[in-house]
Protein backbone atom coordinates (compact mmCIF):
# COMPACT_ATOMS: atom_id res chain seq x y z
CA MET A 1 -12.28 6.50 7.58
CA LYS A 2 -15.35 5.52 5.63
CA PRO A 3 -15.20 2.55 3.24
CA VAL A 4 -14.44 3.58 -0.33
CA ASN A 5 -16.76 2.47 -3.10
CA PHE A 6 -14.79 1.74 -6.29
CA THR A 7 -17.32 0.14 -8.64
CA GLY A 8 -20.63 0.48 -6.91
CA LYS A 9 -20.49 -3.22 -6.06
CA ASN A 10 -17.49 -3.65 -3.76
CA VAL A 11 -16.40 -1.51 -0.85
CA GLU A 12 -12.77 -1.41 0.23
CA LYS A 13 -12.42 -1.10 3.98
CA GLY A 14 -9.54 0.48 5.85
CA TYR A 15 -8.26 -2.82 7.24
CA ARG A 16 -7.57 -3.99 3.68
CA SER A 17 -5.15 -1.08 3.33
CA VAL A 18 -3.57 -2.01 6.67
CA VAL A 19 -2.94 -5.61 5.52
CA LYS A 20 -1.62 -4.42 2.15
CA THR A 21 0.64 -1.96 3.96
CA ILE A 22 2.12 -4.63 6.24
CA THR A 23 2.72 -7.22 3.51
CA TRP A 24 4.26 -4.64 1.16
CA ARG A 25 6.54 -3.30 3.90
CA ILE A 26 7.77 -6.79 4.79
CA LEU A 27 8.88 -7.25 1.18
CA GLY A 28 10.30 -3.74 0.94
CA THR A 29 12.19 -4.03 4.21
CA ILE A 30 13.80 -7.33 3.24
CA ASP A 31 14.90 -5.66 0.01
CA THR A 32 16.29 -2.65 1.92
CA ILE A 33 18.21 -4.87 4.34
CA ILE A 34 19.77 -6.89 1.51
CA ILE A 35 20.76 -3.78 -0.45
CA SER A 36 22.12 -2.07 2.69
CA TRP A 37 24.10 -5.19 3.61
CA PHE A 38 25.53 -5.33 0.10
CA ILE A 39 26.56 -1.64 0.20
CA VAL A 40 27.86 -1.30 3.77
CA GLY A 41 28.96 -4.90 4.39
CA ASP A 42 27.63 -4.96 7.96
CA ILE A 43 24.47 -6.98 8.62
CA ARG A 44 23.81 -5.23 11.97
CA PHE A 45 23.87 -1.83 10.32
CA ALA A 46 21.72 -3.10 7.45
CA VAL A 47 19.10 -4.46 9.89
CA SER A 48 19.12 -1.10 11.72
CA ILE A 49 18.43 0.73 8.47
CA GLY A 50 15.68 -1.76 7.59
CA GLY A 51 14.10 -1.48 11.04
CA ILE A 52 13.81 2.29 10.90
CA GLU A 53 12.61 2.22 7.30
CA LEU A 54 9.97 -0.40 8.14
CA PHE A 55 7.98 1.91 10.37
CA THR A 56 8.43 5.21 8.56
CA LYS A 57 7.46 3.83 5.17
CA MET A 58 4.57 1.80 6.60
CA PHE A 59 2.88 4.95 7.86
CA LEU A 60 3.61 6.84 4.65
CA TYR A 61 2.26 4.00 2.47
CA TYR A 62 -0.96 3.62 4.49
CA PHE A 63 -1.88 7.28 4.19
CA HIS A 64 -0.82 7.36 0.54
CA GLU A 65 -3.04 4.31 -0.14
CA ARG A 66 -6.05 5.86 1.62
CA LEU A 67 -5.68 9.14 -0.29
CA TRP A 68 -5.57 7.26 -3.59
CA ALA A 69 -8.60 5.20 -2.54
CA ARG A 70 -10.56 8.47 -2.21
CA SER A 71 -9.39 9.82 -5.56
CA ASN A 72 -11.33 9.31 -8.78
CA PHE A 73 -8.21 9.89 -10.90
CA GLY A 74 -7.97 7.23 -13.61
CA ARG A 75 -11.33 5.64 -12.80
CA VAL A 76 -14.18 5.19 -15.20
CA LYS A 77 -17.72 4.99 -13.94
CA GLU A 78 -19.67 1.88 -14.84
CA LYS A 79 -22.48 2.51 -17.24
CA ASN A 80 -25.74 0.79 -16.60
CA ILE A 81 -26.69 -0.88 -19.86
CA GLU A 82 -30.38 -1.14 -20.42
CA TYR A 83 -31.54 -3.72 -22.90
CA GLN A 84 -34.78 -3.39 -24.74
CA ILE A 85 -36.24 -6.59 -26.09
């Protein structure tokens, strides 16, 4: 995928989305394991749920992130202000 230009100054590359995906999924998976453990009472089962969820949601998040990076929804273009002195 091509880098996405948000402001005209910075370009967000695909690997940034990969790193964001991984760090977010680590947090989300820990949360899922804890909630699953609390509900089912079996840590092995909770880790199994978290392990499956880790990979499925990582792929979904990455593609979701890249689609949003291409969208202009909610963005405002910078206006070049010209000063006359």
